Amino acid sequence: MRPKQDSTAFARMMAQTDADNSHPRPDDGKIIELEPGSQPLVRVGEIYGRAIKYTRAYGLVEWVDDRRVYHVAWFPAGQVRRVGQESWLGRPL
């Protein structure tokens, strides 16, 4: 019997892979992946999410919008701000 596949996890993995392949500056150094327990909650403008990867000048942020659609995008490091749990206004990931 085949194990049940998690299509949501697969879609997230594919979105992250696509983001890795479309980094705004491919020469920005190695992409470092943060461990799931150490991914900080962040804010980028009006977006509240979680930082999941980084390079020297960019951070990869994942978030879920008001329609519960998953997003992942690279942002310049200067725009990514850590926030505490008490001030984080995002949706659960």
C-alpha atoms as a PDB file:
ATOM      1  CA  MET A   1       0.000   0.000   0.000  1.00  0.00           C
ATOM      2  CA  ARG A   2       1.358   3.425  -0.957  1.00  0.00           C
ATOM      3  CA  PRO A   3       1.631   6.057   1.773  1.00  0.00           C
ATOM      4  CA  LYS A   4      -0.758   8.972   1.545  1.00  0.00           C
ATOM      5  CA  GLN A   5       0.849  11.953  -0.169  1.00  0.00           C
ATOM      6  CA  ASP A   6       0.622  15.432   1.312  1.00  0.00           C
ATOM      7  CA  SER A   7      -0.185  17.635  -1.696  1.00  0.00           C
ATOM      8  CA  THR A   8       0.050  20.831   0.354  1.00  0.00           C
ATOM      9  CA  ALA A   9       3.586  20.032   1.529  1.00  0.00           C
ATOM     10  CA  PHE A  10       4.561  19.091  -2.022  1.00  0.00           C
ATOM     11  CA  ALA A  11       3.189  22.383  -3.404  1.00  0.00           C
ATOM     12  CA  ARG A  12       5.131  24.336  -0.767  1.00  0.00           C
ATOM     13  CA  MET A  13       8.311  22.442  -1.564  1.00  0.00           C
ATOM     14  CA  MET A  14       7.874  23.191  -5.274  1.00  0.00           C
ATOM     15  CA  ALA A  15       7.227  26.895  -4.573  1.00  0.00           C
ATOM     16  CA  GLN A  16      10.423  27.053  -2.509  1.00  0.00           C
ATOM     17  CA  THR A  17      12.400  25.268  -5.227  1.00  0.00           C
ATOM     18  CA  ASP A  18      11.063  27.713  -7.840  1.00  0.00           C
ATOM     19  CA  ALA A  19      12.067  30.608  -5.563  1.00  0.00           C
ATOM     20  CA  ASP A  20      15.584  29.177  -5.167  1.00  0.00           C
ATOM     21  CA  ASN A  21      15.887  29.021  -8.952  1.00  0.00           C
ATOM     22  CA  SER A  22      14.687  32.606  -9.399  1.00  0.00           C
ATOM     23  CA  HIS A  23      16.841  34.351  -6.778  1.00  0.00           C
ATOM     24  CA  PRO A  24      17.166  38.040  -7.746  1.00  0.00           C
ATOM     25  CA  ARG A  25      20.987  37.867  -7.589  1.00  0.00           C
ATOM     26  CA  PRO A  26      22.290  34.386  -8.363  1.00  0.00           C
ATOM     27  CA  ASP A  27      25.826  35.558  -7.481  1.00  0.00           C
ATOM     28  CA  ASP A  28      24.767  36.503  -3.929  1.00  0.00           C
ATOM     29  CA  GLY A  29      26.298  33.405  -2.382  1.00  0.00           C
ATOM     30  CA  LYS A  30      25.070  30.063  -1.154  1.00  0.00           C
ATOM     31  CA  ILE A  31      21.416  29.762  -0.117  1.00  0.00           C
ATOM     32  CA  ILE A  32      21.328  28.834   3.566  1.00  0.00           C
ATOM     33  CA  GLU A  33      18.228  27.019   4.815  1.00  0.00           C
ATOM     34  CA  LEU A  34      17.084  27.666   8.383  1.00  0.00           C
ATOM     35  CA  GLU A  35      16.047  24.676  10.489  1.00  0.00           C
ATOM     36  CA  PRO A  36      12.262  24.484  11.061  1.00  0.00           C
ATOM     37  CA  GLY A  37      12.597  25.181  14.801  1.00  0.00           C
ATOM     38  CA  SER A  38      14.766  28.267  14.243  1.00  0.00           C
ATOM     39  CA  GLN A  39      12.842  30.069  11.484  1.00  0.00           C
ATOM     40  CA  PRO A  40      12.100  33.549  12.855  1.00  0.00           C
ATOM     41  CA  LEU A  41       8.764  35.287  12.533  1.00  0.00           C
ATOM     42  CA  VAL A  42       9.224  38.358  10.339  1.00  0.00           C
ATOM     43  CA  ARG A  43       7.471  41.316   8.812  1.00  0.00           C
ATOM     44  CA  VAL A  44       8.134  42.753   5.355  1.00  0.00           C
ATOM     45  CA  GLY A  45       5.966  45.834   4.887  1.00  0.00           C
ATOM     46  CA  GLU A  46       2.418  44.567   5.486  1.00  0.00           C
ATOM     47  CA  ILE A  47       3.393  40.905   5.073  1.00  0.00           C
ATOM     48  CA  TYR A  48       3.813  38.764   8.174  1.00  0.00           C
ATOM     49  CA  GLY A  49       5.552  35.452   7.605  1.00  0.00           C
ATOM     50  CA  ARG A  50       8.503  33.285   8.461  1.00  0.00           C
ATOM     51  CA  ALA A  51      12.078  33.587   7.184  1.00  0.00           C
ATOM     52  CA  ILE A  52      13.066  30.180   5.823  1.00  0.00           C
ATOM     53  CA  LYS A  53      16.262  30.782   3.813  1.00  0.00           C
ATOM     54  CA  TYR A  54      18.806  33.526   3.240  1.00  0.00           C
ATOM     55  CA  THR A  55      21.814  34.648   1.264  1.00  0.00           C
ATOM     56  CA  ARG A  56      24.170  37.548   1.928  1.00  0.00           C
ATOM     57  CA  ALA A  57      21.697  40.226   0.810  1.00  0.00           C
ATOM     58  CA  TYR A  58      18.269  38.522   0.638  1.00  0.00           C
ATOM     59  CA  GLY A  59      15.850  36.586   2.805  1.00  0.00           C
ATOM     60  CA  LEU A  60      13.281  34.073   1.578  1.00  0.00           C
ATOM     61  CA  VAL A  61       9.982  34.610   3.376  1.00  0.00           C
ATOM     62  CA  GLU A  62       6.939  32.332   3.375  1.00  0.00           C
ATOM     63  CA  TRP A  63       3.443  33.473   4.318  1.00  0.00           C
ATOM     64  CA  VAL A  64      -0.238  32.686   3.912  1.00  0.00           C
ATOM     65  CA  ASP A  65      -2.538  35.472   2.692  1.00  0.00           C
ATOM     66  CA  ASP A  66      -6.124  36.284   3.746  1.00  0.00           C
ATOM     67  CA  ARG A  67      -7.462  33.723   1.238  1.00  0.00           C
ATOM     68  CA  ARG A  68      -5.158  31.100   2.810  1.00  0.00           C
ATOM     69  CA  VAL A  69      -2.955  30.961  -0.289  1.00  0.00           C
ATOM     70  CA  TYR A  70       0.688  30.080   0.360  1.00  0.00           C
ATOM     71  CA  HIS A  71       3.371  32.474  -0.949  1.00  0.00           C
ATOM     72  CA  VAL A  72       7.150  32.512  -0.887  1.00  0.00           C
ATOM     73  CA  ALA A  73       9.366  35.359  -2.134  1.00  0.00           C
ATOM     74  CA  TRP A  74      12.854  36.821  -1.834  1.00  0.00           C
ATOM     75  CA  PHE A  75      13.151  40.239  -0.187  1.00  0.00           C
ATOM     76  CA  PRO A  76      16.205  42.448   0.340  1.00  0.00           C
ATOM     77  CA  ALA A  77      17.565  41.736   3.820  1.00  0.00           C
ATOM     78  CA  GLY A  78      17.066  45.363   4.878  1.00  0.00           C
ATOM     79  CA  GLN A  79      13.300  44.988   4.427  1.00  0.00           C
ATOM     80  CA  VAL A  80      12.979  41.811   6.527  1.00  0.00           C
ATOM     81  CA  ARG A  81      12.352  42.616  10.197  1.00  0.00           C
ATOM     82  CA  ARG A  82      12.094  40.094  13.017  1.00  0.00           C
ATOM     83  CA  VAL A  83       8.977  40.409  15.158  1.00  0.00           C
ATOM     84  CA  GLY A  84       7.998  38.753  18.399  1.00  0.00           C
ATOM     85  CA  GLN A  85       5.127  36.283  18.692  1.00  0.00           C
ATOM     86  CA  GLU A  86       3.027  38.907  20.489  1.00  0.00           C
ATOM     87  CA  SER A  87       3.247  41.417  17.610  1.00  0.00           C
ATOM     88  CA  TRP A  88       3.107  38.936  14.707  1.00  0.00           C
ATOM     89  CA  LEU A  89      -0.182  39.357  12.812  1.00  0.00           C
ATOM     90  CA  GLY A  90       0.212  36.612  10.210  1.00  0.00           C
ATOM     91  CA  ARG A  91      -1.846  33.510   9.544  1.00  0.00           C
ATOM     92  CA  PRO A  92      -0.613  30.142  10.778  1.00  0.00           C
ATOM     93  CA  LEU A  93       1.709  28.493   8.265  1.00  0.00           C
END
